[in-house]
Protein backbone atom coordinates (compact mmCIF):
# COMPACT_ATOMS: atom_id res chain seq x y z
CA MET A 1 -116.50 -22.93 140.50
CA GLN A 2 -115.20 -19.85 138.76
CA ALA A 3 -113.85 -22.00 135.69
CA LEU A 4 -117.30 -23.56 135.44
CA ARG A 5 -119.26 -20.44 135.39
CA GLU A 6 -117.10 -18.56 132.94
CA HIS A 7 -116.55 -21.54 130.70
CA ALA A 8 -116.31 -20.67 127.02
CA ALA A 9 -118.84 -23.33 126.01
CA LEU A 10 -121.47 -21.83 128.30
CA LYS A 11 -121.05 -18.42 127.59
CA PRO A 12 -123.20 -18.41 124.11
CA LEU A 13 -125.76 -20.48 125.90
CA ARG A 14 -126.52 -18.21 128.81
CA ARG A 15 -130.15 -16.75 128.97
CA GLY A 16 -130.91 -14.69 131.78
CA ARG A 17 -129.33 -14.18 134.87
CA ALA A 18 -127.80 -16.83 137.32
CA ARG A 19 -129.64 -17.23 140.25
CA THR A 20 -128.14 -18.61 143.85
CA ALA A 21 -130.13 -19.94 146.88
CA ARG A 22 -129.92 -22.22 149.52
CA VAL A 23 -131.76 -24.83 149.08
CA VAL A 24 -132.61 -27.67 151.42
CA SER A 25 -134.44 -30.93 150.92
CA THR A 26 -135.34 -33.21 154.02
CA TYR A 27 -136.37 -36.86 152.34
CA HIS A 28 -138.73 -39.14 154.12
CA ASP A 29 -139.51 -42.85 154.47
CA THR A 30 -140.70 -45.60 156.70
CA SER A 31 -138.28 -47.09 159.22
CA ASP A 32 -138.17 -50.27 156.34
CA ARG A 33 -137.58 -47.89 153.47
CA ARG A 34 -140.70 -48.83 151.87
CA LEU A 35 -140.47 -45.81 149.51
CA ALA A 36 -136.84 -46.31 148.64
CA ARG A 37 -137.49 -50.08 147.73
CA HIS A 38 -139.82 -49.27 145.35
CA GLY A 39 -138.05 -46.76 143.41
CA VAL A 40 -139.98 -43.80 145.06
CA ALA A 41 -138.25 -40.55 146.79
CA LEU A 42 -140.54 -38.18 148.95
CA ARG A 43 -139.08 -34.65 149.66
CA VAL A 44 -139.82 -31.37 151.57
CA ARG A 45 -137.69 -28.75 150.27
CA ARG A 46 -136.63 -25.16 151.42
CA ASP A 47 -135.93 -23.14 148.54
CA GLY A 48 -135.15 -19.47 149.55
CA ARG A 49 -138.49 -18.99 151.52
CA CYS A 50 -140.75 -20.88 149.71
CA TRP A 51 -141.80 -24.78 150.56
CA LEU A 52 -142.09 -27.03 148.13
CA MET A 53 -143.04 -31.11 148.35
CA GLY A 54 -142.23 -33.39 146.03
CA VAL A 55 -142.39 -36.94 144.58
CA LYS A 56 -140.01 -38.99 142.19
CA GLY A 57 -140.92 -41.82 140.62
CA ALA A 58 -138.34 -44.94 139.83
CA PRO A 59 -135.53 -44.03 137.60
CA GLN A 60 -136.29 -44.77 133.93
CA GLY A 61 -134.49 -47.71 132.73
CA ASP A 62 -133.75 -46.69 129.03
CA VAL A 63 -131.67 -43.71 129.63
CA PRO A 64 -127.57 -43.92 129.64
CA PRO A 65 -126.23 -43.36 133.07
CA GLY A 66 -125.39 -39.85 134.45
CA VAL A 67 -128.75 -38.82 131.94
CA VAL A 68 -131.61 -39.42 134.74
CA ALA A 69 -135.55 -39.53 134.00
CA ARG A 70 -138.13 -39.79 136.37
CA PRO A 71 -141.69 -39.18 136.73
CA GLU A 72 -141.98 -36.00 139.35
CA VAL A 73 -144.82 -34.07 140.89
CA GLU A 74 -144.10 -31.14 143.18
CA TRP A 75 -146.34 -28.63 145.22
CA PRO A 76 -146.06 -25.50 147.28
CA LEU A 77 -146.40 -25.86 151.13
CA ASP A 78 -146.81 -23.43 153.84
CA GLY A 79 -144.28 -25.07 156.28
CA PRO A 80 -142.38 -28.18 156.75
CA ALA A 81 -145.32 -30.44 157.18
CA LEU A 82 -146.23 -33.25 154.89
CA ASP A 83 -149.36 -32.94 153.28
CA PRO A 84 -151.34 -36.20 153.13
CA VAL A 85 -153.88 -35.07 151.06
CA ARG A 86 -151.72 -34.42 148.03
CA LEU A 87 -149.54 -37.38 148.60
CA ALA A 88 -153.05 -39.63 148.41
CA SER A 89 -153.25 -37.76 144.96
CA THR A 90 -150.55 -39.26 143.25
CA PRO A 91 -149.83 -42.33 141.04
CA TRP A 92 -147.78 -43.59 144.56
CA GLY A 93 -151.21 -42.80 146.49
CA PRO A 94 -151.71 -46.74 147.78
CA LEU A 95 -148.04 -46.66 148.64
CA PHE A 96 -148.07 -43.46 150.85
CA ALA A 97 -151.23 -45.16 152.49
CA LYS A 98 -149.65 -48.00 153.08
CA ALA A 99 -146.44 -46.38 154.70
CA ALA A 100 -148.96 -44.18 156.81
CA ARG A 101 -150.73 -47.72 158.24
CA ARG A 102 -147.30 -49.47 158.62
CA GLY A 103 -145.59 -47.45 160.83
CA GLY A 104 -145.86 -43.88 159.35
CA LEU A 105 -143.63 -41.68 157.64
CA ALA A 106 -140.21 -39.68 159.13
CA PRO A 107 -137.41 -37.46 158.00
CA VAL A 108 -134.41 -39.77 157.35
CA PHE A 109 -131.89 -37.47 155.83
CA THR A 110 -131.19 -34.03 154.43
CA THR A 111 -129.51 -32.52 151.40
CA ASP A 112 -128.35 -28.63 152.29
CA VAL A 113 -126.57 -27.28 148.94
CA GLU A 114 -125.78 -23.68 147.75
CA ARG A 115 -127.35 -23.96 144.22
CA THR A 116 -126.49 -21.84 141.27
CA SER A 117 -128.87 -22.15 138.42
CA LEU A 118 -128.26 -20.67 134.96
CA PRO A 119 -130.69 -21.13 132.15
CA LEU A 120 -129.42 -22.02 128.90
CA ALA A 121 -130.93 -21.84 125.23
CA PHE A 122 -129.20 -24.15 122.47
CA PRO A 123 -129.51 -23.32 118.72
CA ASP A 124 -131.45 -26.13 118.03
CA GLY A 125 -134.11 -24.79 120.35
CA THR A 126 -133.60 -26.76 123.35
CA THR A 127 -133.65 -25.34 126.80
CA ALA A 128 -131.92 -26.46 129.98
CA THR A 129 -130.98 -25.24 133.29
CA LEU A 130 -127.34 -25.86 134.54
CA ALA A 131 -127.46 -25.99 138.59
CA ILE A 132 -124.41 -26.07 140.68
CA ASP A 133 -124.52 -27.75 143.57
CA VAL A 134 -122.34 -27.27 146.50
CA GLY A 135 -122.77 -28.60 150.42
CA ALA A 136 -123.59 -31.79 151.92
CA ILE A 137 -125.69 -35.13 152.41
CA VAL A 138 -126.32 -35.01 156.52
CA VAL A 139 -127.88 -37.44 158.47
CA ALA A 140 -129.22 -36.42 161.80
CA ALA A 141 -127.92 -38.26 165.06
CA SER A 142 -132.09 -38.67 166.06
CA ALA A 143 -132.28 -40.83 162.62
CA THR A 144 -129.42 -43.40 163.13
CA GLY A 145 -127.95 -42.90 166.96
CA ARG A 146 -125.16 -41.14 165.36
CA ARG A 147 -124.60 -38.02 162.72
CA ALA A 148 -123.02 -38.68 159.45
CA ALA A 149 -122.48 -36.26 156.75
CA THR A 150 -120.77 -36.68 152.72
CA PRO A 151 -119.74 -33.50 150.88
CA VAL A 152 -121.84 -32.72 147.49
CA ALA A 153 -120.22 -30.68 144.75
CA GLU A 154 -122.03 -31.48 141.63
CA ILE A 155 -123.79 -30.25 138.15
CA GLU A 156 -127.05 -30.99 137.11
CA LEU A 157 -128.09 -30.32 133.67
CA GLU A 158 -131.72 -30.52 133.40
CA LEU A 159 -133.43 -30.75 130.12
CA GLY A 160 -136.43 -28.17 129.66
CA ASP A 161 -137.32 -28.78 126.23
CA GLY A 162 -135.79 -30.50 122.97
CA ASP A 163 -132.75 -33.09 122.56
CA ALA A 164 -130.84 -34.27 125.45
CA ARG A 165 -128.34 -35.44 123.19
CA VAL A 166 -126.70 -31.58 123.44
CA LEU A 167 -127.13 -31.56 127.05
CA VAL A 168 -124.03 -34.70 126.69
CA ALA A 169 -122.49 -32.97 124.07
CA LEU A 170 -121.99 -29.83 126.75
CA ALA A 171 -121.04 -32.44 129.54
CA SER A 172 -118.35 -33.42 127.03
CA GLU A 173 -117.24 -30.09 126.47
CA LEU A 174 -117.10 -29.03 129.81
CA ALA A 175 -115.38 -32.55 131.07
CA ALA A 176 -112.69 -31.52 128.67
CA ASP A 177 -111.27 -29.00 130.99
CA LEU A 178 -112.47 -29.23 134.31
CA PRO A 179 -112.39 -32.55 136.91
CA LEU A 180 -115.63 -33.80 136.41
CA PHE A 181 -116.89 -37.81 136.47
CA LEU A 182 -120.03 -39.29 136.42
CA GLU A 183 -122.43 -39.81 138.97
CA PRO A 184 -124.66 -42.63 138.79
CA ARG A 185 -126.68 -42.35 141.92
CA GLY A 186 -128.82 -39.29 142.94
CA LYS A 187 -128.81 -37.76 145.81
CA ALA A 188 -131.42 -39.83 147.36
CA GLU A 189 -129.61 -42.88 146.64
CA ARG A 190 -126.63 -41.65 148.39
CA GLY A 191 -128.30 -40.32 151.34
CA PHE A 192 -130.21 -43.87 152.16
CA ALA A 193 -127.32 -45.23 151.42
CA LEU A 194 -125.46 -42.99 154.55
CA ALA A 195 -128.29 -43.58 156.86
CA ASP A 196 -128.38 -47.51 156.73
CA GLY A 197 -124.37 -47.32 156.54
CA VAL A 198 -124.71 -49.88 153.25
CA ARG A 199 -121.54 -49.45 151.61
CA ASP A 200 -121.21 -49.22 147.63
CA ALA A 201 -120.51 -52.86 146.22
CA PRO A 202 -119.36 -53.55 142.67
CA SER A 203 -121.68 -53.98 140.04
CA ARG A 204 -122.44 -57.31 138.10
CA ALA A 205 -124.30 -57.22 134.44
CA GLN A 206 -128.20 -57.12 134.30
CA GLU A 207 -130.06 -58.43 132.39
CA ILE A 208 -131.46 -55.90 129.48
CA PRO A 209 -135.44 -55.90 128.82
CA GLN A 210 -135.93 -55.42 125.37
CA ALA A 211 -139.26 -54.62 124.30
CA ASP A 212 -141.92 -56.87 122.15
CA GLY A 213 -141.32 -55.68 118.13
CA ALA A 214 -138.07 -53.46 119.14
CA THR A 215 -135.66 -52.87 116.09
CA ALA A 216 -132.51 -53.47 116.56
CA GLY A 217 -131.22 -49.63 116.80
CA ALA A 218 -133.08 -49.69 119.90
CA ALA A 219 -132.09 -52.88 121.19
CA ILE A 220 -128.57 -51.54 120.54
CA ALA A 221 -129.32 -49.08 122.44
CA ALA A 222 -130.60 -50.76 125.47
CA ILE A 223 -127.31 -52.85 125.25
CA CYS A 224 -124.99 -49.88 125.90
CA THR A 225 -127.36 -48.10 128.03
CA GLU A 226 -126.78 -51.09 130.13
CA CYS A 227 -122.77 -51.73 129.66
CA LEU A 228 -122.78 -47.94 130.55
CA ARG A 229 -124.95 -48.51 133.57
CA GLN A 230 -122.06 -51.37 134.83
CA ILE A 231 -119.42 -48.90 133.84
CA ALA A 232 -120.56 -46.16 135.87
CA ALA A 233 -121.38 -47.88 138.81
CA ASN A 234 -118.08 -49.75 139.33
CA ALA A 235 -116.52 -46.23 138.35
CA ILE A 236 -117.44 -45.13 142.32
CA GLY A 237 -114.81 -47.85 143.48
CA PHE A 238 -112.08 -46.11 142.06
CA ARG A 239 -112.36 -42.47 143.73
CA GLY A 240 -110.51 -43.05 146.57
CA THR A 241 -106.85 -43.55 147.10
CA ARG A 242 -106.98 -47.24 146.95
CA LEU A 243 -108.72 -50.52 145.56
CA ASP A 244 -110.47 -51.94 148.46
CA ASP A 245 -111.65 -55.32 146.38
CA PRO A 246 -110.40 -56.94 143.37
CA GLU A 247 -113.47 -56.98 142.20
CA TRP A 248 -113.99 -53.43 140.94
CA VAL A 249 -111.24 -53.95 138.57
CA HIS A 250 -112.87 -57.19 137.35
CA GLN A 251 -116.35 -55.61 137.26
CA MET A 252 -115.14 -52.38 135.45
CA ARG A 253 -113.35 -54.59 132.63
CA ILE A 254 -116.30 -57.12 132.19
CA GLY A 255 -118.53 -53.62 131.89
CA VAL A 256 -115.92 -52.72 129.32
CA ARG A 257 -115.57 -55.46 127.27
CA ARG A 258 -119.52 -55.90 127.19
CA LEU A 259 -119.47 -52.27 125.71
CA ARG A 260 -116.86 -53.15 123.21
CA SER A 261 -118.86 -56.10 121.98
CA CYS A 262 -121.94 -53.93 121.66
CA LEU A 263 -119.94 -51.72 119.05
CA THR A 264 -119.17 -54.47 116.79
CA LEU A 265 -122.89 -54.96 116.75
CA ALA A 266 -123.31 -50.96 115.76
CA ARG A 267 -120.90 -50.86 113.40
CA ASP A 268 -123.00 -51.95 110.32
CA LEU A 269 -125.62 -49.47 111.87
CA VAL A 270 -123.78 -46.79 112.66
CA ALA A 271 -121.31 -44.33 111.15
CA ALA A 272 -117.73 -45.48 111.87
CA GLU A 273 -116.37 -41.96 112.70
CA THR A 274 -119.19 -41.59 115.70
CA LEU A 275 -117.84 -45.44 116.91
CA ALA A 276 -113.76 -44.67 116.20
CA PRO A 277 -113.86 -42.68 119.63
CA VAL A 278 -115.69 -44.80 122.00
CA ALA A 279 -113.95 -48.15 120.59
CA ALA A 280 -110.52 -46.08 121.27
CA GLY A 281 -111.89 -45.27 124.96
CA THR A 282 -112.54 -49.14 125.36
CA ARG A 283 -109.32 -50.33 124.20
CA TRP A 284 -107.56 -47.76 126.54
CA VAL A 285 -109.27 -48.67 129.54
CA LEU A 286 -108.55 -52.30 129.31
CA ASP A 287 -105.27 -51.89 128.35
CA ALA A 288 -104.92 -49.64 131.68
CA LEU A 289 -106.52 -52.17 133.63
CA GLY A 290 -105.08 -54.94 132.41
CA ALA A 291 -101.97 -55.73 134.53
CA ALA A 292 -104.43 -54.87 137.83
CA ARG A 293 -106.46 -57.79 136.84
CA ASP A 294 -104.03 -59.87 135.59
CA LEU A 295 -102.01 -59.34 139.33
CA ASP A 296 -105.04 -59.86 141.35
CA VAL A 297 -105.79 -63.06 140.35
CA PHE A 298 -102.20 -64.02 140.43
CA VAL A 299 -102.10 -62.81 143.83
CA VAL A 300 -105.28 -63.48 145.63
CA GLN A 301 -105.96 -67.19 143.70
CA THR A 302 -102.90 -68.34 141.67
CA LEU A 303 -100.24 -67.78 144.67
CA PRO A 304 -101.75 -69.29 147.59
CA ALA A 305 -103.10 -72.28 145.49
CA VAL A 306 -99.42 -72.72 144.53
CA LEU A 307 -97.80 -72.68 147.63
CA ALA A 308 -100.75 -74.43 149.37
CA ASP A 309 -99.87 -77.67 146.43
CA GLY A 310 -96.39 -77.35 146.98
CA GLU A 311 -96.76 -77.88 150.87
CA ARG A 312 -99.28 -80.97 150.51
CA ALA A 313 -96.41 -82.00 147.89
CA SER A 314 -93.30 -81.77 150.54
CA LEU A 315 -92.06 -79.31 148.10
CA ASP A 316 -88.44 -78.23 149.20
CA ALA A 317 -87.89 -75.38 151.51
CA ALA A 318 -86.01 -73.30 149.23
CA THR A 319 -88.09 -73.28 146.51
CA LEU A 320 -91.49 -72.46 148.81
CA ALA A 321 -89.17 -69.66 150.06
CA ALA A 322 -88.38 -68.29 146.20
CA ILE A 323 -92.28 -68.34 145.97
CA ARG A 324 -93.04 -66.47 149.06
CA ALA A 325 -90.18 -63.85 147.87
CA LEU A 326 -92.06 -63.62 144.48
CA GLU A 327 -95.46 -63.18 146.41
CA ARG A 328 -93.83 -60.06 148.22
CA THR A 329 -92.84 -58.70 144.45
CA ALA A 330 -96.08 -59.38 143.37
CA ALA A 331 -97.74 -57.63 145.77
CA ARG A 332 -95.86 -54.31 145.20
CA ARG A 333 -96.41 -54.81 141.55
CA ARG A 334 -99.75 -55.29 142.36
CA ARG A 335 -100.08 -52.04 144.55
CA ALA A 336 -98.35 -50.01 141.53
CA ALA A 337 -101.11 -51.61 138.61
CA ASP A 338 -103.62 -50.64 141.15
CA ARG A 339 -102.42 -46.94 141.10
CA ALA A 340 -102.34 -47.08 137.55
CA ALA A 341 -106.08 -48.39 137.19
CA LEU A 342 -107.21 -45.44 139.70
CA GLU A 343 -105.65 -42.95 137.71
CA CYS A 344 -107.20 -44.26 134.41
CA VAL A 345 -110.79 -44.16 136.02
CA ALA A 346 -110.43 -41.34 137.74
CA SER A 347 -109.09 -38.87 134.97
CA PRO A 348 -110.97 -36.63 132.60
CA ARG A 349 -110.35 -38.56 129.79
CA PHE A 350 -112.61 -41.56 131.60
CA THR A 351 -115.22 -39.13 131.78
CA ARG A 352 -114.78 -37.98 128.09
CA PHE A 353 -115.07 -41.98 127.17
CA ALA A 354 -118.23 -42.45 128.82
CA LEU A 355 -119.97 -39.32 127.82
CA ALA A 356 -119.01 -40.39 124.28
CA ALA A 357 -120.91 -43.77 124.82
CA ALA A 358 -124.00 -42.20 126.77
CA GLY A 359 -124.19 -39.77 123.29
CA LEU A 360 -124.08 -42.58 121.33
CA ALA A 361 -126.67 -44.64 123.30
CA ALA A 362 -128.99 -41.41 123.10
CA GLY A 363 -128.25 -41.20 119.54
CA LEU A 364 -129.14 -45.02 118.77
CA SER A 365 -132.41 -44.28 121.08
CA ALA A 366 -133.51 -41.55 118.79
CA ASP A 367 -132.74 -42.65 115.58
CA GLY A 368 -130.66 -39.59 115.46
CA LEU A 369 -127.41 -41.03 113.66
CA ALA A 370 -125.73 -40.59 110.65
CA GLY A 371 -125.08 -43.90 108.86
CA PRO A 372 -126.95 -46.68 107.16
CA GLY A 373 -130.03 -45.84 109.35
CA GLU A 374 -132.12 -48.09 107.35
CA GLY A 375 -130.31 -51.15 109.29
CA ARG A 376 -131.73 -49.61 112.37
CA GLN A 377 -135.39 -50.36 111.93
CA VAL A 378 -135.02 -54.12 110.96
CA ASP A 379 -136.63 -56.54 113.49
CA ALA A 380 -134.33 -57.05 116.44
CA ARG A 381 -135.34 -60.55 117.13
CA GLY A 382 -134.58 -61.45 113.28
CA PHE A 383 -130.83 -59.26 113.53
CA ALA A 384 -130.15 -61.30 116.99
CA SER A 385 -131.01 -64.59 115.17
CA GLN A 386 -128.81 -64.20 112.41
CA LEU A 387 -125.64 -62.45 114.59
CA LEU A 388 -126.28 -65.49 117.60
CA ASP A 389 -126.24 -67.75 114.22
CA ARG A 390 -123.09 -66.46 112.77
CA ARG A 391 -120.98 -66.62 116.46
CA ALA A 392 -122.37 -70.14 116.93
CA ARG A 393 -120.68 -71.27 114.16
CA ARG A 394 -117.57 -69.64 114.88
CA LEU A 395 -117.63 -70.91 118.02
CA ALA A 396 -118.26 -74.45 116.77
CA LYS A 397 -115.51 -74.19 114.18
CA ALA A 398 -113.17 -72.71 116.64
CA GLY A 399 -113.91 -75.78 119.26
CA ALA A 400 -113.50 -78.35 116.54
CA GLY A 401 -110.97 -80.62 117.79
CA LEU A 402 -110.39 -79.15 121.28
CA ASP A 403 -109.63 -82.30 122.96
CA ARG A 404 -106.49 -82.36 121.23
CA ALA A 405 -106.40 -78.10 121.11
CA GLY A 406 -102.75 -76.71 122.59
CA ILE A 407 -103.15 -73.44 124.46
CA GLU A 408 -103.37 -71.11 122.03
CA ALA A 409 -106.08 -72.73 120.07
CA ARG A 410 -108.13 -73.06 123.19
CA HIS A 411 -107.93 -69.43 123.93
CA ALA A 412 -109.23 -68.62 120.76
CA VAL A 413 -112.23 -70.96 121.44
CA ARG A 414 -112.45 -68.79 124.94
CA ILE A 415 -113.16 -65.76 123.22
CA ALA A 416 -115.29 -66.92 120.47
CA ALA A 417 -117.44 -68.56 123.43
CA LYS A 418 -117.30 -65.19 125.42
CA LYS A 419 -118.15 -63.33 122.48
CA LEU A 420 -121.29 -65.95 121.88
CA ARG A 421 -122.05 -65.68 125.79
CA TYR A 422 -122.12 -61.65 125.47
CA ALA A 423 -124.44 -61.62 122.36
CA THR A 424 -126.99 -64.28 124.23
CA GLU A 425 -126.97 -62.30 127.10
CA PHE A 426 -127.75 -59.12 125.22
CA PHE A 427 -130.79 -60.57 123.16
CA ALA A 428 -132.07 -62.97 125.53
CA THR A 429 -135.07 -61.36 126.64
CA LEU A 430 -136.07 -61.55 123.06
CA PHE A 431 -136.80 -64.75 123.25
CA PRO A 432 -138.98 -67.10 125.50
CA ARG A 433 -136.94 -67.66 129.24
CA ARG A 434 -137.59 -71.12 129.57
CA ARG A 435 -135.53 -71.56 125.53
CA THR A 436 -132.81 -69.63 126.47
CA ARG A 437 -131.75 -70.53 130.15
CA ALA A 438 -130.19 -74.23 129.17
CA TYR A 439 -127.95 -72.63 126.48
CA ARG A 440 -127.01 -70.18 128.49
CA GLU A 441 -126.34 -71.72 131.47
CA THR A 442 -123.74 -74.33 129.42
CA LEU A 443 -122.16 -71.54 127.61
CA ALA A 444 -121.31 -69.63 130.92
CA LEU A 445 -120.25 -73.43 132.19
CA LEU A 446 -117.81 -73.59 129.30
CA GLN A 447 -116.64 -69.84 129.40
CA ASP A 448 -115.72 -70.61 133.47
CA GLU A 449 -114.13 -73.80 132.81
CA LEU A 450 -111.80 -71.85 129.73
CA GLY A 451 -111.31 -68.66 132.03
CA SER A 452 -109.96 -71.16 134.97
CA PHE A 453 -107.63 -72.70 131.78
CA ASN A 454 -106.42 -69.63 130.79
CA ASP A 455 -105.72 -68.17 134.62
CA ALA A 456 -103.53 -71.01 134.73
CA ALA A 457 -101.82 -70.22 131.47
CA VAL A 458 -101.40 -66.75 132.61
CA ALA A 459 -99.73 -67.27 135.53
CA SER A 460 -96.85 -69.12 133.90
CA ARG A 461 -96.39 -65.73 132.14
CA VAL A 462 -97.04 -63.38 134.63
CA ALA A 463 -94.42 -65.29 136.77
CA GLY A 464 -91.42 -65.62 134.44
CA VAL A 465 -91.93 -61.57 133.85
CA LEU A 466 -91.85 -60.93 137.76
CA ALA A 467 -88.78 -63.46 138.86
CA GLY A 468 -87.35 -63.92 135.23
CA PRO A 469 -88.36 -67.21 133.32
CA THR A 470 -85.39 -69.20 134.71
CA ALA A 471 -85.74 -68.21 138.59
CA PRO A 472 -87.02 -71.20 140.68
CA ALA A 473 -90.01 -69.71 141.65
CA ALA A 474 -91.08 -69.08 138.02
CA ALA A 475 -90.06 -72.73 137.26
CA ALA A 476 -92.32 -74.27 140.07
CA ILE A 477 -95.11 -71.63 138.58
CA GLU A 478 -94.59 -73.43 135.40
CA ALA A 479 -94.56 -76.96 136.51
CA TRP A 480 -98.00 -76.10 138.63
CA SER A 481 -99.28 -74.63 135.56
CA ALA A 482 -98.77 -77.41 133.33
CA ALA A 483 -100.55 -80.12 136.10
CA HIS A 484 -103.53 -77.64 136.47
CA VAL A 485 -103.98 -77.25 132.74
CA ALA A 486 -103.65 -80.89 132.45
CA SER A 487 -106.36 -81.67 134.97
CA GLY A 488 -108.55 -78.78 133.93
CA SER A 489 -108.67 -80.44 130.42
CA ALA A 490 -111.06 -82.84 131.13
CA ARG A 491 -113.67 -80.41 132.71
CA VAL A 492 -113.03 -78.55 129.62
CA ASP A 493 -113.94 -80.90 127.18
CA LYS A 494 -117.14 -82.24 129.43
CA ALA A 495 -118.26 -78.34 129.19
CA TRP A 496 -117.53 -78.62 125.89
CA GLU A 497 -119.85 -81.54 125.12
CA ARG A 498 -122.66 -80.36 127.18
CA HIS A 499 -122.47 -77.09 125.25
CA ALA A 500 -122.59 -78.76 121.80
CA ALA A 501 -125.81 -80.62 122.76
CA ALA A 502 -127.48 -77.79 123.81
CA ARG A 503 -130.26 -76.47 121.60
CA PRO A 504 -130.05 -72.80 120.20
CA PHE A 505 -132.93 -71.03 121.45
CA TRP A 506 -132.84 -68.41 118.28
CA THR A 507 -134.30 -71.17 115.86
CA ARG A 508 -137.50 -72.90 115.84
CA GLY A 509 -135.92 -76.16 114.30
């Protein structure tokens, strides 16, 4: 706390004295969480001696993770009781009226923090408040039959007037010296999860809503923001002492790969020096998590399948014993790889990487980045059509003669298919859904079949590294891999034929 308040980046920005007060906010909802399901948060707050009632609407979806923008209204109260007249006057009045008829509103949880507020003013005229909250989120026993609490120790940079990008830059300076990480969930979201006993779960990529008439810059900003959302959401799973689900690593790598693919879209629109630190961060994260993902697949999927097939085929006892010994070795290596993945995502360097990407997204949204800016103003749909056409041609070229291709050539097809799939996901909502659905399904099937093919090929390499290339277990897995590759070839060829026959949705011919 003291290091934060005295940080060199804050000293020239401070305007006025810090204010410290105990802030206790009680959040209300119906028993079936009607408000939360509509993205609305209702709280009664005691700030020092003052009582306030506040309502926040659903977060806006076009801002980077760690940056939160929500419509909000607030009124003074005489005490802790809700004011239904004020609630009826808000844009969410019908929602509150229905909640009152369906069982009424009741306290669910409380945030109890000591808040230190520092007013800030930046050289460009931007004003903001830095709030430091230390305390807890508490669910009373009466709400759930049990009392639960989780600590709060967080910083919030709240924009007054001006450019939000300067707040991202300040956060990056603080993260360079202090153990900070992005928190994509607000206190309300964490409080309801605590009250309802909902555990955090790995987050998959989501559809990206692209506005009609969007420019290329705005479309790529939306893509970057969604990639960051997935990255920040999956970083939550790396904050403990162990990874309880291999899907955290898998979805984190997908998010980072999608961001990396997004950067290739932006390289003709943004100066190279702006993209370079984000691109370097994606390489670092993928390298740090690569071993964990390979060993997850090897331990959780490959070895059980090898043992099951070996037992059905009456493989000799000595070879089965060697495979089980390899299984124990792989489990130990997997734990070490998981620790390395945890260290990567929990590190200050990861936070700075995520903030650099957030700054990039914010700059693209505001068209405030150096580089060939005229390219950012071209029509997004036309930009997407040209890009998709190029990537489709590259995949068609890579896949020519796929039925006769070896492992390396099929891997090249897999990479080309992945790049095209990411591009179709990025820009799909610019086109009619009925035209995109069939094409995307064939591409997803092709990538899945090529992925299974690749996993079998990787299994042989991993076994050779762990046991030695000539060890009995490695030889058995190499034979299993070869058989699996051979049996999967027909499925790959069929998926390719189906994709090749699909009509590109970005053309009108």
